[in-house]
N, C-alpha and C. Protein backbone atom coordinates (compact mmCIF):
# COMPACT_ATOMS: atom_id res chain seq x y z
N UNK A 1 18.76 -16.93 -15.24
CA UNK A 1 17.51 -16.34 -15.26
C UNK A 1 17.11 -15.64 -13.85
N UNK A 2 16.72 -14.72 -13.68
CA UNK A 2 16.27 -13.83 -12.64
C UNK A 2 15.16 -13.39 -12.86
N UNK A 3 14.30 -13.47 -11.75
CA UNK A 3 13.06 -12.81 -11.30
C UNK A 3 12.97 -12.00 -10.22
N UNK A 4 12.71 -10.55 -10.52
CA UNK A 4 12.64 -9.60 -9.21
C UNK A 4 11.23 -8.98 -9.12
N UNK A 5 10.83 -8.60 -8.00
CA UNK A 5 9.62 -7.61 -7.63
C UNK A 5 10.14 -6.26 -8.48
N UNK A 6 9.03 -5.67 -9.25
CA UNK A 6 9.17 -4.40 -9.34
C UNK A 6 8.62 -3.37 -8.46
N UNK A 7 9.50 -2.64 -7.79
CA UNK A 7 9.21 -1.88 -6.64
C UNK A 7 8.45 -0.59 -7.26
N UNK A 8 7.41 -0.12 -6.74
CA UNK A 8 6.87 1.49 -7.08
C UNK A 8 7.85 2.28 -7.05
N UNK A 9 8.10 3.11 -8.13
CA UNK A 9 9.18 4.24 -8.04
C UNK A 9 10.58 3.94 -8.85
N UNK A 10 10.71 2.68 -9.09
CA UNK A 10 11.98 2.13 -9.22
C UNK A 10 12.04 2.31 -10.92
N UNK A 11 13.44 2.36 -11.39
CA UNK A 11 13.65 2.13 -12.78
C UNK A 11 13.12 1.00 -13.38
N UNK A 12 12.91 -0.19 -12.68
CA UNK A 12 12.45 -1.26 -13.39
C UNK A 12 10.95 -1.11 -13.53
N UNK A 13 10.34 -0.22 -12.98
CA UNK A 13 8.92 -0.04 -13.14
C UNK A 13 8.47 0.69 -14.57
N UNK A 14 9.50 1.81 -14.68
CA UNK A 14 9.44 2.20 -16.03
C UNK A 14 9.58 1.40 -17.35
N UNK A 15 10.44 0.47 -17.21
CA UNK A 15 10.80 -0.43 -18.09
C UNK A 15 9.61 -1.45 -18.00
N UNK A 16 9.22 -1.90 -17.00
CA UNK A 16 8.08 -3.00 -16.92
C UNK A 16 6.71 -2.20 -17.67
N UNK A 17 6.32 -0.78 -17.57
CA UNK A 17 5.40 -0.08 -18.18
C UNK A 17 5.50 -0.04 -19.54
N UNK A 18 6.81 0.00 -20.01
CA UNK A 18 6.96 0.43 -21.47
C UNK A 18 7.14 -0.87 -22.09
N UNK A 19 7.22 -1.93 -21.57
CA UNK A 19 7.20 -3.17 -22.24
C UNK A 19 5.76 -3.51 -22.28
N UNK A 20 5.01 -3.36 -21.12
CA UNK A 20 3.74 -3.82 -21.33
C UNK A 20 2.83 -3.13 -22.13
N UNK A 21 3.03 -1.52 -22.52
CA UNK A 21 2.50 -0.57 -23.48
C UNK A 21 2.84 -0.77 -24.70
N UNK A 22 4.11 -1.55 -24.95
CA UNK A 22 4.42 -1.59 -26.34
C UNK A 22 4.26 -3.07 -26.65
N UNK A 23 3.78 -3.99 -26.06
CA UNK A 23 3.97 -5.71 -26.49
C UNK A 23 2.74 -6.11 -26.08
N UNK A 24 1.91 -5.78 -24.84
CA UNK A 24 0.96 -6.62 -24.46
C UNK A 24 -0.36 -6.17 -25.62
N UNK A 25 -1.00 -7.06 -25.78
CA UNK A 25 -2.18 -6.71 -26.64
C UNK A 25 -3.38 -5.80 -26.26
N UNK A 26 -3.39 -5.53 -25.19
CA UNK A 26 -4.40 -4.61 -24.54
C UNK A 26 -3.45 -3.07 -24.05
N UNK A 27 -2.26 -3.35 -24.34
CA UNK A 27 -1.56 -1.90 -23.81
C UNK A 27 -1.41 -2.03 -22.50
N UNK A 28 -1.21 -0.71 -21.95
CA UNK A 28 -0.81 -0.40 -20.41
C UNK A 28 -2.34 0.16 -20.15
N UNK A 29 -2.51 -0.52 -19.22
CA UNK A 29 -3.87 -0.11 -18.31
C UNK A 29 -3.85 0.21 -16.92
N UNK A 30 -4.11 1.07 -16.21
CA UNK A 30 -4.32 1.24 -14.70
C UNK A 30 -4.75 0.09 -14.08
N UNK A 31 -3.93 -0.55 -13.28
CA UNK A 31 -4.41 -1.48 -12.41
C UNK A 31 -5.30 -1.15 -11.37
N UNK A 32 -6.24 -1.84 -10.89
CA UNK A 32 -6.89 -1.27 -9.40
C UNK A 32 -6.81 -2.30 -8.37
N UNK A 33 -6.47 -1.69 -7.14
CA UNK A 33 -6.41 -2.61 -6.04
C UNK A 33 -5.04 -3.06 -5.94
N UNK A 34 -4.67 -4.18 -4.95
CA UNK A 34 -3.56 -4.45 -4.78
C UNK A 34 -2.75 -5.42 -6.04
N UNK A 35 -1.59 -5.30 -6.08
CA UNK A 35 -1.13 -6.10 -7.27
C UNK A 35 0.72 -5.74 -7.00
N UNK A 36 0.91 -7.37 -7.65
CA UNK A 36 2.37 -7.42 -7.56
C UNK A 36 2.81 -7.39 -9.16
N UNK A 37 4.15 -7.22 -9.16
CA UNK A 37 4.71 -7.14 -10.69
C UNK A 37 6.22 -7.53 -10.44
N UNK A 38 6.35 -8.57 -11.59
CA UNK A 38 7.45 -9.33 -11.83
C UNK A 38 8.26 -8.87 -12.85
N UNK A 39 9.66 -8.80 -12.98
CA UNK A 39 10.42 -8.35 -14.23
C UNK A 39 11.37 -9.72 -14.19
N UNK A 40 11.30 -10.81 -15.30
CA UNK A 40 12.12 -11.80 -15.42
C UNK A 40 13.30 -11.50 -16.48
N UNK A 41 14.57 -11.49 -16.04
CA UNK A 41 15.72 -11.33 -16.89
C UNK A 41 16.62 -12.40 -17.09
N UNK A 42 17.06 -12.71 -18.39
CA UNK A 42 18.07 -13.87 -18.63
C UNK A 42 19.53 -13.56 -17.60
N UNK A 43 20.45 -14.39 -17.95
CA UNK A 43 21.59 -14.11 -17.37
C UNK A 43 22.48 -13.15 -17.71
N UNK A 44 22.18 -12.51 -18.74
CA UNK A 44 22.96 -11.14 -19.26
C UNK A 44 22.02 -9.91 -18.67
N UNK A 45 20.91 -10.05 -18.24
CA UNK A 45 20.34 -9.12 -17.60
C UNK A 45 19.23 -8.52 -18.47
N UNK A 46 18.94 -9.10 -19.73
CA UNK A 46 17.99 -8.78 -20.54
C UNK A 46 16.49 -9.13 -20.03
N UNK A 47 15.67 -8.32 -20.37
CA UNK A 47 14.25 -8.29 -20.06
C UNK A 47 13.70 -9.98 -20.93
N UNK A 48 13.09 -10.91 -20.23
CA UNK A 48 12.28 -11.83 -20.92
C UNK A 48 10.94 -11.89 -20.73
N UNK A 49 10.61 -11.36 -19.47
CA UNK A 49 9.05 -11.49 -19.22
C UNK A 49 8.56 -10.39 -18.57
N UNK A 50 7.36 -9.93 -18.40
CA UNK A 50 6.59 -9.26 -17.21
C UNK A 50 5.82 -9.95 -16.84
N UNK A 51 5.23 -10.03 -15.50
CA UNK A 51 4.35 -11.03 -14.86
C UNK A 51 3.36 -9.76 -13.88
N UNK A 52 2.48 -9.87 -14.05
CA UNK A 52 1.69 -9.12 -13.12
C UNK A 52 0.11 -9.82 -12.58
N UNK A 53 0.49 -9.94 -11.22
CA UNK A 53 -0.79 -10.25 -10.66
C UNK A 53 -1.86 -9.61 -9.76
N UNK A 54 -2.88 -9.63 -9.89
CA UNK A 54 -3.94 -8.63 -9.23
C UNK A 54 -4.75 -9.32 -8.28
N UNK A 55 -4.93 -8.48 -7.34
CA UNK A 55 -5.68 -8.82 -5.91
C UNK A 55 -6.74 -9.92 -6.58
N UNK A 56 -7.53 -9.55 -7.45
CA UNK A 56 -8.71 -10.51 -7.91
C UNK A 56 -8.30 -11.92 -8.21
N UNK A 57 -6.98 -11.95 -8.72
CA UNK A 57 -6.55 -13.47 -9.08
C UNK A 57 -6.38 -14.07 -7.94
N UNK A 58 -5.74 -13.29 -6.81
CA UNK A 58 -5.36 -14.22 -5.41
C UNK A 58 -6.80 -14.60 -5.01
N UNK A 59 -7.79 -14.13 -5.02
CA UNK A 59 -9.10 -14.58 -4.42
C UNK A 59 -9.87 -15.57 -5.18
N UNK A 60 -9.35 -16.11 -6.00
CA UNK A 60 -10.17 -17.37 -6.77
C UNK A 60 -9.74 -18.66 -6.31
N UNK A 61 -8.79 -18.59 -5.21
CA UNK A 61 -8.58 -20.00 -4.40
C UNK A 61 -9.95 -20.87 -4.06
N UNK A 62 -10.82 -19.90 -3.54
CA UNK A 62 -12.18 -20.50 -3.02
C UNK A 62 -12.96 -21.05 -4.07
N UNK A 63 -12.87 -20.38 -5.10
CA UNK A 63 -13.70 -20.72 -6.47
C UNK A 63 -13.01 -21.90 -6.96
N UNK A 64 -11.68 -21.89 -7.31
CA UNK A 64 -11.35 -22.99 -7.69
C UNK A 64 -11.44 -24.31 -6.83
N UNK A 65 -11.36 -24.28 -5.62
CA UNK A 65 -11.64 -25.40 -4.60
C UNK A 65 -13.08 -25.93 -5.20
N UNK A 66 -13.81 -24.80 -4.98
CA UNK A 66 -15.30 -25.40 -5.35
C UNK A 66 -15.29 -25.88 -6.60
N UNK A 67 -14.84 -25.61 -7.60
CA UNK A 67 -15.03 -26.22 -9.02
C UNK A 67 -14.50 -27.29 -9.05
N UNK A 68 -13.10 -27.58 -8.21
CA UNK A 68 -12.75 -28.91 -8.15
C UNK A 68 -11.39 -29.10 -9.35
């Protein structure tokens, strides 16, 4: 298994966007602000998962610490 960052303008970005558009229940939406995308592949190079983290998720650490 291999997880790699999806770089802007790469062929993996087209694959990532196509998978999200086709399989995510909300489809493909534009992201706002900073984000990072990962594409996870199996040992044969087949896509297994798409992960997208937005800056808003990164900013939750202080809130989570306060909640406990």
